[in-house]
Amino acid sequence: MSSPEPTSELRAGHPPAVKAGGMRITQHRHPTHDKPTEVKKTEGEEEEEVTVTPSPPKQHLVISGAVARGDADFPPEAVQAFHNKPTPSHDYRQITKPTIIHQPRR
């Protein structure tokens, strides 16, 4: 007797869930880091010179019809002063007296 050919049942591009005892078993996928293959150069080959521009041209951001200028609109000193919390000038001490609530006992 020949065994039936195993059929590949893919659902939505992946195999169905693995179950044991009617419960699904989680299978975490580990990310694969594909390292780029290094091209070994032989003695006869020469390197090609490649010119790289320092940065692509920046696009202007338009907010409500006005061009946003980034740091010119909000200087870093003003933003830093806005985000820093002022230190308290007076140190308030906690009240150490316990709060007593009069409740009847059983």
N, C-alpha and C. Protein backbone atom coordinates (compact mmCIF):
# COMPACT_ATOMS: atom_id res chain seq x y z
N MET A 1 0.83 -1.18 0.00
CA MET A 1 0.00 0.00 0.00
C MET A 1 0.88 1.24 0.00
N SER A 2 0.48 2.15 -0.77
CA SER A 2 1.23 3.39 -0.81
C SER A 2 0.55 4.42 0.08
N SER A 3 1.37 5.21 0.72
CA SER A 3 0.80 6.24 1.59
C SER A 3 0.31 7.40 0.72
N PRO A 4 -0.75 8.05 1.14
CA PRO A 4 -1.24 9.17 0.34
C PRO A 4 -0.22 10.30 0.34
N GLU A 5 -0.19 11.03 -0.74
CA GLU A 5 0.76 12.13 -0.85
C GLU A 5 0.36 13.25 0.11
N PRO A 6 1.33 13.77 0.84
CA PRO A 6 0.99 14.87 1.76
C PRO A 6 0.65 16.12 0.95
N THR A 7 -0.48 16.67 1.23
CA THR A 7 -0.89 17.88 0.52
C THR A 7 -0.56 19.09 1.37
N SER A 8 -0.15 20.12 0.72
CA SER A 8 0.21 21.35 1.42
C SER A 8 -1.02 22.23 1.52
N GLU A 9 -1.62 22.26 2.70
CA GLU A 9 -2.79 23.09 2.90
C GLU A 9 -2.35 24.44 3.46
N LEU A 10 -2.39 25.43 2.62
CA LEU A 10 -2.05 26.77 3.07
C LEU A 10 -3.32 27.59 3.18
N ARG A 11 -3.42 28.29 4.27
CA ARG A 11 -4.56 29.17 4.47
C ARG A 11 -4.03 30.58 4.67
N ALA A 12 -4.42 31.44 3.79
CA ALA A 12 -3.97 32.84 3.81
C ALA A 12 -2.46 32.92 3.70
N GLY A 13 -1.86 31.97 2.97
CA GLY A 13 -0.43 32.02 2.74
C GLY A 13 0.43 31.38 3.80
N HIS A 14 -0.16 30.79 4.83
CA HIS A 14 0.61 30.13 5.88
C HIS A 14 -0.11 28.85 6.27
N PRO A 15 0.60 27.89 6.87
CA PRO A 15 -0.05 26.64 7.26
C PRO A 15 -1.03 26.88 8.41
N PRO A 16 -2.00 26.00 8.58
CA PRO A 16 -2.96 26.19 9.67
C PRO A 16 -2.29 26.11 11.03
N ALA A 17 -3.01 26.54 12.06
CA ALA A 17 -2.46 26.60 13.41
C ALA A 17 -2.16 25.20 13.93
N VAL A 18 -1.11 25.11 14.75
CA VAL A 18 -0.74 23.84 15.37
C VAL A 18 -1.58 23.71 16.64
N LYS A 19 -2.27 22.59 16.77
CA LYS A 19 -3.12 22.39 17.93
C LYS A 19 -2.73 21.11 18.65
N ALA A 20 -2.84 21.15 19.97
CA ALA A 20 -2.61 19.97 20.80
C ALA A 20 -3.69 19.97 21.86
N GLY A 21 -4.51 18.94 21.87
CA GLY A 21 -5.59 18.87 22.85
C GLY A 21 -6.66 19.92 22.62
N GLY A 22 -6.83 20.35 21.39
CA GLY A 22 -7.85 21.34 21.08
C GLY A 22 -7.42 22.77 21.36
N MET A 23 -6.20 22.97 21.85
CA MET A 23 -5.70 24.32 22.14
C MET A 23 -4.61 24.67 21.15
N ARG A 24 -4.55 25.93 20.77
CA ARG A 24 -3.50 26.37 19.86
C ARG A 24 -2.17 26.47 20.60
N ILE A 25 -1.10 26.14 19.90
CA ILE A 25 0.24 26.26 20.46
C ILE A 25 0.91 27.42 19.75
N THR A 26 1.44 28.36 20.52
CA THR A 26 2.07 29.52 19.91
C THR A 26 3.44 29.15 19.39
N GLN A 27 3.74 29.65 18.23
CA GLN A 27 5.05 29.45 17.64
C GLN A 27 5.57 30.82 17.23
N HIS A 28 6.51 31.34 17.99
CA HIS A 28 7.04 32.66 17.72
C HIS A 28 8.03 32.59 16.58
N ARG A 29 7.94 33.55 15.71
CA ARG A 29 8.89 33.62 14.61
C ARG A 29 10.05 34.50 15.02
N HIS A 30 11.23 34.01 14.81
CA HIS A 30 12.41 34.77 15.13
C HIS A 30 12.82 35.56 13.89
N PRO A 31 13.10 36.84 14.05
CA PRO A 31 13.48 37.62 12.87
C PRO A 31 14.82 37.14 12.32
N THR A 32 14.88 37.02 11.04
CA THR A 32 16.12 36.59 10.41
C THR A 32 16.84 37.82 9.91
N HIS A 33 18.05 37.95 10.33
CA HIS A 33 18.87 39.09 9.91
C HIS A 33 19.73 38.62 8.75
N ASP A 34 19.34 39.03 7.56
CA ASP A 34 20.12 38.66 6.39
C ASP A 34 21.28 39.63 6.27
N LYS A 35 22.46 39.08 6.42
CA LYS A 35 23.65 39.91 6.30
C LYS A 35 24.00 40.03 4.82
N PRO A 36 24.30 41.22 4.37
CA PRO A 36 24.66 41.36 2.96
C PRO A 36 25.97 40.63 2.68
N THR A 37 25.99 39.97 1.56
CA THR A 37 27.19 39.23 1.20
C THR A 37 28.25 40.21 0.72
N GLU A 38 29.44 40.01 1.21
CA GLU A 38 30.54 40.88 0.84
C GLU A 38 31.14 40.38 -0.47
N VAL A 39 31.38 41.31 -1.36
CA VAL A 39 31.96 40.96 -2.65
C VAL A 39 33.47 41.04 -2.50
N LYS A 40 34.12 39.93 -2.75
CA LYS A 40 35.57 39.92 -2.67
C LYS A 40 36.14 40.43 -3.98
N LYS A 41 37.07 41.33 -3.87
CA LYS A 41 37.66 41.93 -5.06
C LYS A 41 38.95 41.21 -5.41
N THR A 42 39.13 41.04 -6.68
CA THR A 42 40.37 40.43 -7.13
C THR A 42 41.36 41.53 -7.44
N GLU A 43 42.56 41.14 -7.71
CA GLU A 43 43.61 42.13 -7.94
C GLU A 43 43.39 42.92 -9.22
N GLY A 44 42.76 42.34 -10.22
CA GLY A 44 42.58 42.99 -11.51
C GLY A 44 41.44 44.00 -11.52
N GLU A 45 40.50 43.89 -10.58
CA GLU A 45 39.35 44.79 -10.59
C GLU A 45 39.68 46.11 -9.91
N GLU A 46 39.10 47.17 -10.43
CA GLU A 46 39.30 48.49 -9.83
C GLU A 46 37.98 48.96 -9.23
N GLU A 47 38.08 49.79 -8.23
CA GLU A 47 36.89 50.33 -7.60
C GLU A 47 36.33 51.46 -8.45
N GLU A 48 35.03 51.49 -8.55
CA GLU A 48 34.39 52.58 -9.27
C GLU A 48 34.12 53.71 -8.29
N GLU A 49 34.36 54.92 -8.73
CA GLU A 49 34.11 56.07 -7.86
C GLU A 49 32.63 56.43 -7.94
N VAL A 50 32.03 56.57 -6.79
CA VAL A 50 30.62 56.90 -6.72
C VAL A 50 30.49 58.22 -5.97
N THR A 51 29.81 59.17 -6.58
CA THR A 51 29.58 60.44 -5.90
C THR A 51 28.22 60.38 -5.23
N VAL A 52 28.20 60.72 -3.96
CA VAL A 52 26.97 60.68 -3.18
C VAL A 52 26.65 62.10 -2.75
N THR A 53 25.42 62.51 -2.98
CA THR A 53 25.01 63.84 -2.54
C THR A 53 24.86 63.82 -1.03
N PRO A 54 25.17 64.92 -0.34
CA PRO A 54 25.12 64.92 1.12
C PRO A 54 23.73 64.64 1.68
N SER A 55 22.69 65.20 1.10
CA SER A 55 21.34 64.93 1.57
C SER A 55 20.37 65.28 0.46
N PRO A 56 19.22 64.63 0.44
CA PRO A 56 18.24 64.97 -0.58
C PRO A 56 17.65 66.34 -0.30
N PRO A 57 17.09 67.00 -1.29
CA PRO A 57 16.51 68.32 -1.05
C PRO A 57 15.34 68.20 -0.08
N LYS A 58 15.27 69.13 0.85
CA LYS A 58 14.22 69.09 1.87
C LYS A 58 12.95 69.74 1.33
N GLN A 59 11.83 69.12 1.64
CA GLN A 59 10.55 69.66 1.21
C GLN A 59 10.05 70.63 2.27
N HIS A 60 9.37 71.67 1.81
CA HIS A 60 8.83 72.66 2.74
C HIS A 60 7.50 72.17 3.28
N LEU A 61 7.32 72.29 4.58
CA LEU A 61 6.11 71.87 5.23
C LEU A 61 5.17 73.06 5.31
N VAL A 62 3.95 72.89 4.82
CA VAL A 62 2.98 73.97 4.81
C VAL A 62 1.91 73.65 5.84
N ILE A 63 1.74 74.54 6.83
CA ILE A 63 0.73 74.38 7.86
C ILE A 63 -0.21 75.56 7.77
N SER A 64 -1.48 75.30 7.50
CA SER A 64 -2.52 76.33 7.38
C SER A 64 -2.14 77.40 6.36
N GLY A 65 -1.50 77.00 5.30
CA GLY A 65 -1.15 77.93 4.24
C GLY A 65 0.15 78.67 4.46
N ALA A 66 0.77 78.53 5.62
CA ALA A 66 2.04 79.21 5.90
C ALA A 66 3.16 78.18 5.92
N VAL A 67 4.30 78.55 5.40
CA VAL A 67 5.43 77.65 5.36
C VAL A 67 6.05 77.56 6.75
N ALA A 68 6.18 76.33 7.27
CA ALA A 68 6.79 76.13 8.58
C ALA A 68 8.30 76.13 8.41
N ARG A 69 8.99 76.88 9.26
CA ARG A 69 10.43 77.01 9.14
C ARG A 69 11.18 76.21 10.19
N GLY A 70 10.51 75.35 10.94
CA GLY A 70 11.18 74.49 11.91
C GLY A 70 11.69 75.26 13.10
N ASP A 71 13.03 75.32 13.27
CA ASP A 71 13.63 75.96 14.43
C ASP A 71 13.45 77.47 14.42
N ALA A 72 13.23 78.06 13.27
CA ALA A 72 13.05 79.51 13.22
C ALA A 72 11.73 79.90 13.85
N ASP A 73 10.70 79.05 13.71
CA ASP A 73 9.40 79.35 14.31
C ASP A 73 9.44 79.17 15.83
N PHE A 74 10.05 78.10 16.28
CA PHE A 74 10.13 77.80 17.71
C PHE A 74 11.58 77.53 18.06
N PRO A 75 12.30 78.51 18.59
CA PRO A 75 13.71 78.28 18.93
C PRO A 75 13.83 77.24 20.05
N PRO A 76 14.93 76.48 20.08
CA PRO A 76 15.09 75.43 21.09
C PRO A 76 15.04 75.96 22.52
N GLU A 77 15.50 77.18 22.76
CA GLU A 77 15.48 77.73 24.12
C GLU A 77 14.05 77.92 24.60
N ALA A 78 13.16 78.38 23.71
CA ALA A 78 11.77 78.60 24.10
C ALA A 78 11.07 77.28 24.37
N VAL A 79 11.34 76.28 23.57
CA VAL A 79 10.72 74.98 23.77
C VAL A 79 11.24 74.34 25.05
N GLN A 80 12.53 74.48 25.33
CA GLN A 80 13.12 73.90 26.53
C GLN A 80 12.53 74.58 27.77
N ALA A 81 12.36 75.89 27.73
CA ALA A 81 11.78 76.60 28.86
C ALA A 81 10.33 76.19 29.07
N PHE A 82 9.63 75.88 28.00
CA PHE A 82 8.23 75.48 28.11
C PHE A 82 8.11 74.08 28.72
N HIS A 83 9.03 73.18 28.40
CA HIS A 83 8.94 71.80 28.87
C HIS A 83 9.54 71.58 30.25
N ASN A 84 10.45 72.43 30.69
CA ASN A 84 11.07 72.25 32.00
C ASN A 84 10.10 72.66 33.10
N LYS A 85 9.98 71.82 34.11
CA LYS A 85 9.11 72.10 35.24
C LYS A 85 9.87 72.95 36.25
N PRO A 86 9.28 74.04 36.73
CA PRO A 86 10.01 74.86 37.70
C PRO A 86 10.15 74.12 39.04
N THR A 87 11.27 74.35 39.70
CA THR A 87 11.50 73.71 41.00
C THR A 87 10.69 74.45 42.06
N PRO A 88 10.11 73.73 43.01
CA PRO A 88 9.31 74.40 44.04
C PRO A 88 10.20 75.23 44.97
N SER A 89 9.71 76.40 45.36
CA SER A 89 10.49 77.27 46.24
C SER A 89 10.29 76.91 47.71
N HIS A 90 9.19 76.23 48.03
CA HIS A 90 8.90 75.86 49.41
C HIS A 90 8.66 74.36 49.46
N ASP A 91 9.36 73.67 50.38
CA ASP A 91 9.22 72.24 50.51
C ASP A 91 8.08 71.94 51.48
N TYR A 92 7.00 71.38 50.96
CA TYR A 92 5.86 71.06 51.80
C TYR A 92 6.09 69.69 52.43
N ARG A 93 5.91 69.60 53.74
CA ARG A 93 6.09 68.34 54.44
C ARG A 93 4.75 67.62 54.50
N GLN A 94 4.84 66.31 54.51
CA GLN A 94 3.62 65.52 54.60
C GLN A 94 3.10 65.56 56.03
N ILE A 95 1.80 65.46 56.16
CA ILE A 95 1.19 65.41 57.48
C ILE A 95 1.35 63.99 58.00
N THR A 96 2.00 63.85 59.16
CA THR A 96 2.28 62.51 59.69
C THR A 96 1.16 62.00 60.59
N LYS A 97 0.16 62.83 60.87
CA LYS A 97 -0.94 62.41 61.73
C LYS A 97 -1.80 61.40 60.98
N PRO A 98 -2.07 60.23 61.57
CA PRO A 98 -2.88 59.23 60.87
C PRO A 98 -4.34 59.68 60.77
N THR A 99 -4.96 59.30 59.70
CA THR A 99 -6.38 59.63 59.55
C THR A 99 -7.19 58.59 60.30
N ILE A 100 -8.00 59.05 61.24
CA ILE A 100 -8.80 58.15 62.07
C ILE A 100 -10.25 58.27 61.63
N ILE A 101 -10.80 57.17 61.19
CA ILE A 101 -12.19 57.14 60.79
C ILE A 101 -12.93 56.32 61.84
N HIS A 102 -13.91 56.95 62.49
CA HIS A 102 -14.66 56.26 63.54
C HIS A 102 -15.69 55.36 62.89
N GLN A 103 -15.43 54.07 62.99
CA GLN A 103 -16.37 53.09 62.46
C GLN A 103 -16.66 52.07 63.54
N PRO A 104 -17.87 51.61 63.59
CA PRO A 104 -18.20 50.63 64.64
C PRO A 104 -17.53 49.29 64.38
N ARG A 105 -17.19 48.62 65.48
CA ARG A 105 -16.65 47.27 65.37
C ARG A 105 -17.79 46.27 65.35
N ARG A 106 -17.50 45.05 65.09
CA ARG A 106 -18.54 44.03 65.06
C ARG A 106 -19.02 43.67 66.42
